Amino acid sequence: MPKTISYHTELIESLKEPSEAALYLEVVLEEGDPKMIKKAFFNIIEAQGGISDFSESFQEKFDRFDRKLQETGEIEFKLLQTLLESLGLKVGLMVTAS
């Protein structure tokens, strides 16, 4: 009988690829659900080794980001930018059809 891989395991494995992590986070941010945004960040952090592999400064900024997201449902841009850069990602813009 073939072994199956859980969805979560497969997702985390795919998020080790920076381009996959960027696309994943882009979709989640577009949807705008604070719970899903938090989960997406946790998944990407897990794919990069877990929160303990990041600096204390990153962990503090992530905690602040998470609190703000939970309290207001809003994202502080500068904090988002800093977290993304720590994950090897950056904010970009795209043209939408008008």
PDB file of N, CA and C in Angstrom:
ATOM      1  N   MET A   1       0.844  -1.181   0.000  1.00  0.00           N
ATOM      2  CA  MET A   1       0.000   0.000   0.000  1.00  0.00           C
ATOM      3  C   MET A   1       0.890   1.245   0.000  1.00  0.00           C
ATOM      4  N   PRO A   2       0.666   2.190  -0.927  1.00  0.00           N
ATOM      5  CA  PRO A   2       1.513   3.385  -0.986  1.00  0.00           C
ATOM      6  C   PRO A   2       1.279   4.301   0.215  1.00  0.00           C
ATOM      7  N   LYS A   3       2.363   4.893   0.658  1.00  0.00           N
ATOM      8  CA  LYS A   3       2.255   5.859   1.751  1.00  0.00           C
ATOM      9  C   LYS A   3       1.728   7.172   1.204  1.00  0.00           C
ATOM     10  N   THR A   4       0.910   7.844   2.001  1.00  0.00           N
ATOM     11  CA  THR A   4       0.390   9.148   1.591  1.00  0.00           C
ATOM     12  C   THR A   4       1.084  10.239   2.383  1.00  0.00           C
ATOM     13  N   ILE A   5       1.186  11.379   1.773  1.00  0.00           N
ATOM     14  CA  ILE A   5       1.777  12.550   2.418  1.00  0.00           C
ATOM     15  C   ILE A   5       0.631  13.487   2.751  1.00  0.00           C
ATOM     16  N   SER A   6       0.637  13.998   3.962  1.00  0.00           N
ATOM     17  CA  SER A   6      -0.433  14.906   4.358  1.00  0.00           C
ATOM     18  C   SER A   6      -0.346  16.203   3.552  1.00  0.00           C
ATOM     19  N   TYR A   7      -1.485  16.856   3.426  1.00  0.00           N
ATOM     20  CA  TYR A   7      -1.529  18.135   2.715  1.00  0.00           C
ATOM     21  C   TYR A   7      -0.564  19.125   3.352  1.00  0.00           C
ATOM     22  N   HIS A   8      -0.575  19.183   4.674  1.00  0.00           N
ATOM     23  CA  HIS A   8       0.278  20.146   5.376  1.00  0.00           C
ATOM     24  C   HIS A   8       1.753  19.876   5.079  1.00  0.00           C
ATOM     25  N   THR A   9       2.148  18.627   5.137  1.00  0.00           N
ATOM     26  CA  THR A   9       3.542  18.267   4.856  1.00  0.00           C
ATOM     27  C   THR A   9       3.930  18.667   3.440  1.00  0.00           C
ATOM     28  N   GLU A  10       3.046  18.397   2.502  1.00  0.00           N
ATOM     29  CA  GLU A  10       3.306  18.754   1.104  1.00  0.00           C
ATOM     30  C   GLU A  10       3.365  20.275   0.927  1.00  0.00           C
ATOM     31  N   LEU A  11       2.463  20.984   1.607  1.00  0.00           N
ATOM     32  CA  LEU A  11       2.464  22.449   1.540  1.00  0.00           C
ATOM     33  C   LEU A  11       3.766  23.016   2.072  1.00  0.00           C
ATOM     34  N   ILE A  12       4.180  22.561   3.250  1.00  0.00           N
ATOM     35  CA  ILE A  12       5.416  23.064   3.855  1.00  0.00           C
ATOM     36  C   ILE A  12       6.605  22.778   2.944  1.00  0.00           C
ATOM     37  N   GLU A  13       6.641  21.613   2.364  1.00  0.00           N
ATOM     38  CA  GLU A  13       7.727  21.266   1.440  1.00  0.00           C
ATOM     39  C   GLU A  13       7.743  22.225   0.243  1.00  0.00           C
ATOM     40  N   SER A  14       6.570  22.522  -0.312  1.00  0.00           N
ATOM     41  CA  SER A  14       6.508  23.420  -1.474  1.00  0.00           C
ATOM     42  C   SER A  14       6.900  24.852  -1.097  1.00  0.00           C
ATOM     43  N   LEU A  15       6.609  25.251   0.144  1.00  0.00           N
ATOM     44  CA  LEU A  15       6.907  26.628   0.573  1.00  0.00           C
ATOM     45  C   LEU A  15       8.392  26.860   0.836  1.00  0.00           C
ATOM     46  N   LYS A  16       9.185  25.820   0.766  1.00  0.00           N
ATOM     47  CA  LYS A  16      10.637  25.991   0.876  1.00  0.00           C
ATOM     48  C   LYS A  16      11.179  26.696  -0.358  1.00  0.00           C
ATOM     49  N   GLU A  17      10.434  26.609  -1.446  1.00  0.00           N
ATOM     50  CA  GLU A  17      10.787  27.300  -2.692  1.00  0.00           C
ATOM     51  C   GLU A  17      10.273  28.742  -2.588  1.00  0.00           C
ATOM     52  N   PRO A  18      11.174  29.745  -2.619  1.00  0.00           N
ATOM     53  CA  PRO A  18      10.748  31.131  -2.444  1.00  0.00           C
ATOM     54  C   PRO A  18       9.643  31.594  -3.399  1.00  0.00           C
ATOM     55  N   SER A  19       9.684  31.152  -4.638  1.00  0.00           N
ATOM     56  CA  SER A  19       8.642  31.591  -5.577  1.00  0.00           C
ATOM     57  C   SER A  19       7.276  31.023  -5.175  1.00  0.00           C
ATOM     58  N   GLU A  20       7.244  29.808  -4.663  1.00  0.00           N
ATOM     59  CA  GLU A  20       5.987  29.216  -4.181  1.00  0.00           C
ATOM     60  C   GLU A  20       5.481  29.959  -2.953  1.00  0.00           C
ATOM     61  N   ALA A  21       6.395  30.290  -2.041  1.00  0.00           N
ATOM     62  CA  ALA A  21       6.012  31.035  -0.832  1.00  0.00           C
ATOM     63  C   ALA A  21       5.438  32.398  -1.214  1.00  0.00           C
ATOM     64  N   ALA A  22       6.060  33.054  -2.186  1.00  0.00           N
ATOM     65  CA  ALA A  22       5.588  34.371  -2.622  1.00  0.00           C
ATOM     66  C   ALA A  22       4.189  34.286  -3.219  1.00  0.00           C
ATOM     67  N   LEU A  23       3.957  33.319  -4.088  1.00  0.00           N
ATOM     68  CA  LEU A  23       2.629  33.160  -4.699  1.00  0.00           C
ATOM     69  C   LEU A  23       1.573  32.828  -3.657  1.00  0.00           C
ATOM     70  N   TYR A  24       1.899  31.935  -2.749  1.00  0.00           N
ATOM     71  CA  TYR A  24       0.994  31.530  -1.674  1.00  0.00           C
ATOM     72  C   TYR A  24       0.587  32.742  -0.837  1.00  0.00           C
ATOM     73  N   LEU A  25       1.583  33.506  -0.412  1.00  0.00           N
ATOM     74  CA  LEU A  25       1.304  34.664   0.429  1.00  0.00           C
ATOM     75  C   LEU A  25       0.547  35.741  -0.347  1.00  0.00           C
ATOM     76  N   GLU A  26       0.856  35.907  -1.612  1.00  0.00           N
ATOM     77  CA  GLU A  26       0.149  36.884  -2.439  1.00  0.00           C
ATOM     78  C   GLU A  26      -1.351  36.583  -2.469  1.00  0.00           C
ATOM     79  N   VAL A  27      -1.697  35.332  -2.690  1.00  0.00           N
ATOM     80  CA  VAL A  27      -3.105  34.935  -2.749  1.00  0.00           C
ATOM     81  C   VAL A  27      -3.785  35.163  -1.405  1.00  0.00           C
ATOM     82  N   VAL A  28      -3.125  34.773  -0.330  1.00  0.00           N
ATOM     83  CA  VAL A  28      -3.711  34.921   1.001  1.00  0.00           C
ATOM     84  C   VAL A  28      -3.891  36.401   1.354  1.00  0.00           C
ATOM     85  N   LEU A  29      -2.909  37.222   1.032  1.00  0.00           N
ATOM     86  CA  LEU A  29      -3.031  38.659   1.317  1.00  0.00           C
ATOM     87  C   LEU A  29      -4.164  39.284   0.508  1.00  0.00           C
ATOM     88  N   GLU A  30      -4.330  38.859  -0.740  1.00  0.00           N
ATOM     89  CA  GLU A  30      -5.433  39.376  -1.562  1.00  0.00           C
ATOM     90  C   GLU A  30      -6.786  39.037  -0.956  1.00  0.00           C
ATOM     91  N   GLU A  31      -6.907  37.841  -0.395  1.00  0.00           N
ATOM     92  CA  GLU A  31      -8.168  37.439   0.223  1.00  0.00           C
ATOM     93  C   GLU A  31      -8.460  38.262   1.469  1.00  0.00           C
ATOM     94  N   GLY A  32      -7.420  38.642   2.206  1.00  0.00           N
ATOM     95  CA  GLY A  32      -7.568  39.569   3.313  1.00  0.00           C
ATOM     96  C   GLY A  32      -8.094  39.009   4.622  1.00  0.00           C
ATOM     97  N   ASP A  33      -8.199  37.702   4.756  1.00  0.00           N
ATOM     98  CA  ASP A  33      -8.677  37.104   6.005  1.00  0.00           C
ATOM     99  C   ASP A  33      -7.536  37.074   7.020  1.00  0.00           C
ATOM    100  N   PRO A  34      -7.655  37.839   8.128  1.00  0.00           N
ATOM    101  CA  PRO A  34      -6.563  37.900   9.110  1.00  0.00           C
ATOM    102  C   PRO A  34      -6.108  36.531   9.624  1.00  0.00           C
ATOM    103  N   LYS A  35      -7.034  35.607   9.852  1.00  0.00           N
ATOM    104  CA  LYS A  35      -6.658  34.276  10.351  1.00  0.00           C
ATOM    105  C   LYS A  35      -5.826  33.524   9.319  1.00  0.00           C
ATOM    106  N   MET A  36      -6.192  33.664   8.045  1.00  0.00           N
ATOM    107  CA  MET A  36      -5.447  32.987   6.992  1.00  0.00           C
ATOM    108  C   MET A  36      -4.082  33.639   6.760  1.00  0.00           C
ATOM    109  N   ILE A  37      -4.009  34.958   6.914  1.00  0.00           N
ATOM    110  CA  ILE A  37      -2.727  35.654   6.774  1.00  0.00           C
ATOM    111  C   ILE A  37      -1.767  35.152   7.845  1.00  0.00           C
ATOM    112  N   LYS A  38      -2.253  35.078   9.088  1.00  0.00           N
ATOM    113  CA  LYS A  38      -1.422  34.577  10.179  1.00  0.00           C
ATOM    114  C   LYS A  38      -0.969  33.150   9.877  1.00  0.00           C
ATOM    115  N   LYS A  39      -1.892  32.301   9.442  1.00  0.00           N
ATOM    116  CA  LYS A  39      -1.574  30.907   9.153  1.00  0.00           C
ATOM    117  C   LYS A  39      -0.557  30.806   8.016  1.00  0.00           C
ATOM    118  N   ALA A  40      -0.710  31.645   7.003  1.00  0.00           N
ATOM    119  CA  ALA A  40       0.229  31.633   5.879  1.00  0.00           C
ATOM    120  C   ALA A  40       1.643  31.989   6.347  1.00  0.00           C
ATOM    121  N   PHE A  41       1.747  33.004   7.189  1.00  0.00           N
ATOM    122  CA  PHE A  41       3.067  33.371   7.725  1.00  0.00           C
ATOM    123  C   PHE A  41       3.645  32.224   8.546  1.00  0.00           C
ATOM    124  N   PHE A  42       2.817  31.601   9.397  1.00  0.00           N
ATOM    125  CA  PHE A  42       3.289  30.463  10.186  1.00  0.00           C
ATOM    126  C   PHE A  42       3.781  29.341   9.280  1.00  0.00           C
ATOM    127  N   ASN A  43       3.062  29.060   8.202  1.00  0.00           N
ATOM    128  CA  ASN A  43       3.468  27.995   7.282  1.00  0.00           C
ATOM    129  C   ASN A  43       4.796  28.319   6.613  1.00  0.00           C
ATOM    130  N   ILE A  44       4.966  29.553   6.167  1.00  0.00           N
ATOM    131  CA  ILE A  44       6.219  29.946   5.513  1.00  0.00           C
ATOM    132  C   ILE A  44       7.376  29.905   6.509  1.00  0.00           C
ATOM    133  N   ILE A  45       7.119  30.364   7.730  1.00  0.00           N
ATOM    134  CA  ILE A  45       8.152  30.316   8.771  1.00  0.00           C
ATOM    135  C   ILE A  45       8.518  28.864   9.071  1.00  0.00           C
ATOM    136  N   GLU A  46       7.523  27.998   9.149  1.00  0.00           N
ATOM    137  CA  GLU A  46       7.788  26.571   9.380  1.00  0.00           C
ATOM    138  C   GLU A  46       8.634  25.989   8.249  1.00  0.00           C
ATOM    139  N   ALA A  47       8.330  26.370   7.017  1.00  0.00           N
ATOM    140  CA  ALA A  47       9.085  25.873   5.864  1.00  0.00           C
ATOM    141  C   ALA A  47      10.543  26.312   5.910  1.00  0.00           C
ATOM    142  N   GLN A  48      10.800  27.421   6.582  1.00  0.00           N
ATOM    143  CA  GLN A  48      12.176  27.926   6.685  1.00  0.00           C
ATOM    144  C   GLN A  48      12.852  27.494   7.981  1.00  0.00           C
ATOM    145  N   GLY A  49      12.265  26.517   8.665  1.00  0.00           N
ATOM    146  CA  GLY A  49      12.922  25.945   9.836  1.00  0.00           C
ATOM    147  C   GLY A  49      12.225  26.198  11.158  1.00  0.00           C
ATOM    148  N   GLY A  50      11.241  27.075  11.173  1.00  0.00           N
ATOM    149  CA  GLY A  50      10.516  27.366  12.411  1.00  0.00           C
ATOM    150  C   GLY A  50      10.923  28.697  13.006  1.00  0.00           C
ATOM    151  N   ILE A  51      10.064  29.223  13.840  1.00  0.00           N
ATOM    152  CA  ILE A  51      10.264  30.564  14.412  1.00  0.00           C
ATOM    153  C   ILE A  51      11.564  30.660  15.209  1.00  0.00           C
ATOM    154  N   SER A  52      11.982  29.563  15.835  1.00  0.00           N
ATOM    155  CA  SER A  52      13.203  29.601  16.640  1.00  0.00           C
ATOM    156  C   SER A  52      14.456  29.794  15.787  1.00  0.00           C
ATOM    157  N   ASP A  53      14.357  29.576  14.475  1.00  0.00           N
ATOM    158  CA  ASP A  53      15.497  29.791  13.582  1.00  0.00           C
ATOM    159  C   ASP A  53      15.670  31.257  13.202  1.00  0.00           C
ATOM    160  N   PHE A  54      14.736  32.089  13.613  1.00  0.00           N
ATOM    161  CA  PHE A  54      14.798  33.517  13.303  1.00  0.00           C
ATOM    162  C   PHE A  54      15.275  34.295  14.522  1.00  0.00           C
ATOM    163  N   SER A  55      15.761  35.496  14.258  1.00  0.00           N
ATOM    164  CA  SER A  55      16.281  36.333  15.334  1.00  0.00           C
ATOM    165  C   SER A  55      15.177  36.720  16.314  1.00  0.00           C
ATOM    166  N   GLU A  56      15.591  37.114  17.493  1.00  0.00           N
ATOM    167  CA  GLU A  56      14.638  37.583  18.503  1.00  0.00           C
ATOM    168  C   GLU A  56      13.905  38.827  17.992  1.00  0.00           C
ATOM    169  N   SER A  57      14.613  39.661  17.260  1.00  0.00           N
ATOM    170  CA  SER A  57      14.001  40.865  16.681  1.00  0.00           C
ATOM    171  C   SER A  57      12.882  40.485  15.715  1.00  0.00           C
ATOM    172  N   PHE A  58      13.126  39.491  14.862  1.00  0.00           N
ATOM    173  CA  PHE A  58      12.096  39.023  13.937  1.00  0.00           C
ATOM    174  C   PHE A  58      10.899  38.503  14.718  1.00  0.00           C
ATOM    175  N   GLN A  59      11.157  37.700  15.742  1.00  0.00           N
ATOM    176  CA  GLN A  59      10.076  37.128  16.536  1.00  0.00           C
ATOM    177  C   GLN A  59       9.230  38.212  17.193  1.00  0.00           C
ATOM    178  N   GLU A  60       9.882  39.255  17.710  1.00  0.00           N
ATOM    179  CA  GLU A  60       9.152  40.366  18.326  1.00  0.00           C
ATOM    180  C   GLU A  60       8.302  41.102  17.287  1.00  0.00           C
ATOM    181  N   LYS A  61       8.871  41.329  16.108  1.00  0.00           N
ATOM    182  CA  LYS A  61       8.127  42.013  15.048  1.00  0.00           C
ATOM    183  C   LYS A  61       6.961  41.160  14.573  1.00  0.00           C
ATOM    184  N   PHE A  62       7.162  39.852  14.475  1.00  0.00           N
ATOM    185  CA  PHE A  62       6.079  38.967  14.070  1.00  0.00           C
ATOM    186  C   PHE A  62       4.966  38.975  15.113  1.00  0.00           C
ATOM    187  N   ASP A  63       5.331  38.965  16.387  1.00  0.00           N
ATOM    188  CA  ASP A  63       4.325  39.032  17.462  1.00  0.00           C
ATOM    189  C   ASP A  63       3.525  40.327  17.369  1.00  0.00           C
ATOM    190  N   ARG A  64       4.214  41.435  17.110  1.00  0.00           N
ATOM    191  CA  ARG A  64       3.532  42.735  16.975  1.00  0.00           C
ATOM    192  C   ARG A  64       2.609  42.727  15.758  1.00  0.00           C
ATOM    193  N   PHE A  65       3.083  42.179  14.657  1.00  0.00           N
ATOM    194  CA  PHE A  65       2.297  42.046  13.430  1.00  0.00           C
ATOM    195  C   PHE A  65       1.039  41.228  13.712  1.00  0.00           C
ATOM    196  N   ASP A  66       1.207  40.106  14.398  1.00  0.00           N
ATOM    197  CA  ASP A  66       0.094  39.210  14.714  1.00  0.00           C
ATOM    198  C   ASP A  66      -0.927  39.901  15.623  1.00  0.00           C
ATOM    199  N   ARG A  67      -0.453  40.595  16.646  1.00  0.00           N
ATOM    200  CA  ARG A  67      -1.370  41.305  17.561  1.00  0.00           C
ATOM    201  C   ARG A  67      -2.191  42.343  16.817  1.00  0.00           C
ATOM    202  N   LYS A  68      -1.529  43.148  15.988  1.00  0.00           N
ATOM    203  CA  LYS A  68      -2.212  44.198  15.224  1.00  0.00           C
ATOM    204  C   LYS A  68      -3.247  43.569  14.288  1.00  0.00           C
ATOM    205  N   LEU A  69      -2.881  42.494  13.655  1.00  0.00           N
ATOM    206  CA  LEU A  69      -3.780  41.792  12.740  1.00  0.00           C
ATOM    207  C   LEU A  69      -5.004  41.265  13.487  1.00  0.00           C
ATOM    208  N   GLN A  70      -4.790  40.692  14.664  1.00  0.00           N
ATOM    209  CA  GLN A  70      -5.904  40.165  15.452  1.00  0.00           C
ATOM    210  C   GLN A  70      -6.802  41.271  15.995  1.00  0.00           C
ATOM    211  N   GLU A  71      -6.186  42.358  16.450  1.00  0.00           N
ATOM    212  CA  GLU A  71      -6.955  43.433  17.082  1.00  0.00           C
ATOM    213  C   GLU A  71      -7.749  44.258  16.079  1.00  0.00           C
ATOM    214  N   THR A  72      -7.148  44.538  14.926  1.00  0.00           N
ATOM    215  CA  THR A  72      -7.779  45.473  13.989  1.00  0.00           C
ATOM    216  C   THR A  72      -8.088  44.867  12.621  1.00  0.00           C
ATOM    217  N   GLY A  73      -7.469  43.727  12.317  1.00  0.00           N
ATOM    218  CA  GLY A  73      -7.624  43.144  10.996  1.00  0.00           C
ATOM    219  C   GLY A  73      -6.819  43.883   9.942  1.00  0.00           C
ATOM    220  N   GLU A  74      -5.962  44.790  10.396  1.00  0.00           N
ATOM    221  CA  GLU A  74      -5.161  45.605   9.482  1.00  0.00           C
ATOM    222  C   GLU A  74      -3.693  45.216   9.557  1.00  0.00           C
ATOM    223  N   ILE A  75      -2.990  45.510   8.480  1.00  0.00           N
ATOM    224  CA  ILE A  75      -1.568  45.208   8.385  1.00  0.00           C
ATOM    225  C   ILE A  75      -0.794  46.513   8.308  1.00  0.00           C
ATOM    226  N   GLU A  76       0.206  46.644   9.168  1.00  0.00           N
ATOM    227  CA  GLU A  76       1.098  47.798   9.123  1.00  0.00           C
ATOM    228  C   GLU A  76       2.121  47.551   8.013  1.00  0.00           C
ATOM    229  N   PHE A  77       2.131  48.408   7.005  1.00  0.00           N
ATOM    230  CA  PHE A  77       2.937  48.168   5.808  1.00  0.00           C
ATOM    231  C   PHE A  77       4.416  48.000   6.111  1.00  0.00           C
ATOM    232  N   LYS A  78       5.003  48.892   6.881  1.00  0.00           N
ATOM    233  CA  LYS A  78       6.443  48.831   7.152  1.00  0.00           C
ATOM    234  C   LYS A  78       6.804  47.529   7.865  1.00  0.00           C
ATOM    235  N   LEU A  79       5.954  47.110   8.785  1.00  0.00           N
ATOM    236  CA  LEU A  79       6.191  45.866   9.499  1.00  0.00           C
ATOM    237  C   LEU A  79       6.068  44.671   8.546  1.00  0.00           C
ATOM    238  N   LEU A  80       5.080  44.697   7.670  1.00  0.00           N
ATOM    239  CA  LEU A  80       4.926  43.647   6.658  1.00  0.00           C
ATOM    240  C   LEU A  80       6.170  43.581   5.782  1.00  0.00           C
ATOM    241  N   GLN A  81       6.627  44.722   5.346  1.00  0.00           N
ATOM    242  CA  GLN A  81       7.809  44.792   4.487  1.00  0.00           C
ATOM    243  C   GLN A  81       9.028  44.186   5.190  1.00  0.00           C
ATOM    244  N   THR A  82       9.220  44.511   6.453  1.00  0.00           N
ATOM    245  CA  THR A  82      10.352  43.992   7.225  1.00  0.00           C
ATOM    246  C   THR A  82      10.270  42.476   7.381  1.00  0.00           C
ATOM    247  N   LEU A  83       9.080  41.977   7.700  1.00  0.00           N
ATOM    248  CA  LEU A  83       8.907  40.528   7.857  1.00  0.00           C
ATOM    249  C   LEU A  83       9.152  39.800   6.542  1.00  0.00           C
ATOM    250  N   LEU A  84       8.613  40.332   5.460  1.00  0.00           N
ATOM    251  CA  LEU A  84       8.806  39.706   4.153  1.00  0.00           C
ATOM    252  C   LEU A  84      10.283  39.646   3.783  1.00  0.00           C
ATOM    253  N   GLU A  85      10.998  40.728   4.017  1.00  0.00           N
ATOM    254  CA  GLU A  85      12.422  40.759   3.698  1.00  0.00           C
ATOM    255  C   GLU A  85      13.182  39.714   4.511  1.00  0.00           C
ATOM    256  N   SER A  86      12.794  39.523   5.764  1.00  0.00           N
ATOM    257  CA  SER A  86      13.428  38.505   6.601  1.00  0.00           C
ATOM    258  C   SER A  86      13.158  37.100   6.073  1.00  0.00           C
ATOM    259  N   LEU A  87      12.052  36.936   5.352  1.00  0.00           N
ATOM    260  CA  LEU A  87      11.686  35.640   4.771  1.00  0.00           C
ATOM    261  C   LEU A  87      12.208  35.486   3.342  1.00  0.00           C
ATOM    262  N   GLY A  88      12.982  36.486   2.876  1.00  0.00           N
ATOM    263  CA  GLY A  88      13.528  36.427   1.529  1.00  0.00           C
ATOM    264  C   GLY A  88      12.535  36.847   0.462  1.00  0.00           C
ATOM    265  N   LEU A  89      11.520  37.592   0.862  1.00  0.00           N
ATOM    266  CA  LEU A  89      10.473  38.063  -0.057  1.00  0.00           C
ATOM    267  C   LEU A  89      10.412  39.573  -0.016  1.00  0.00           C
ATOM    268  N   LYS A  90       9.694  40.173  -0.975  1.00  0.00           N
ATOM    269  CA  LYS A  90       9.490  41.619  -0.922  1.00  0.00           C
ATOM    270  C   LYS A  90       8.165  41.971  -1.553  1.00  0.00           C
ATOM    271  N   VAL A  91       7.682  43.127  -1.179  1.00  0.00           N
ATOM    272  CA  VAL A  91       6.404  43.630  -1.681  1.00  0.00           C
ATOM    273  C   VAL A  91       6.580  44.065  -3.129  1.00  0.00           C
ATOM    274  N   GLY A  92       5.597  43.749  -3.952  1.00  0.00           N
ATOM    275  CA  GLY A  92       5.609  44.165  -5.347  1.00  0.00           C
ATOM    276  C   GLY A  92       4.250  44.663  -5.751  1.00  0.00           C
ATOM    277  N   LEU A  93       4.197  45.311  -6.876  1.00  0.00           N
ATOM    278  CA  LEU A  93       2.945  45.833  -7.411  1.00  0.00           C
ATOM    279  C   LEU A  93       2.672  45.191  -8.758  1.00  0.00           C
ATOM    280  N   MET A  94       1.398  45.093  -9.087  1.00  0.00           N
ATOM    281  CA  MET A  94       1.035  44.586 -10.387  1.00  0.00           C
ATOM    282  C   MET A  94      -0.146  45.391 -10.927  1.00  0.00           C
ATOM    283  N   VAL A  95      -0.263  45.436 -12.217  1.00  0.00           N
ATOM    284  CA  VAL A  95      -1.344  46.148 -12.869  1.00  0.00           C
ATOM    285  C   VAL A  95      -2.544  45.214 -12.947  1.00  0.00           C
ATOM    286  N   THR A  96      -3.704  45.742 -12.605  1.00  0.00           N
ATOM    287  CA  THR A  96      -4.923  44.959 -12.735  1.00  0.00           C
ATOM    288  C   THR A  96      -5.709  45.480 -13.938  1.00  0.00           C
ATOM    289  N   ALA A  97      -6.519  44.643 -14.506  1.00  0.00           N
ATOM    290  CA  ALA A  97      -7.338  45.059 -15.640  1.00  0.00           C
ATOM    291  C   ALA A  97      -8.365  46.070 -15.155  1.00  0.00           C
ATOM    292  N   SER A  98      -8.592  47.114 -15.948  1.00  0.00           N
ATOM    293  CA  SER A  98      -9.568  48.120 -15.513  1.00  0.00           C
ATOM    294  C   SER A  98     -10.887  47.951 -16.166  1.00  0.00           C
TER     295      SER A  98
END
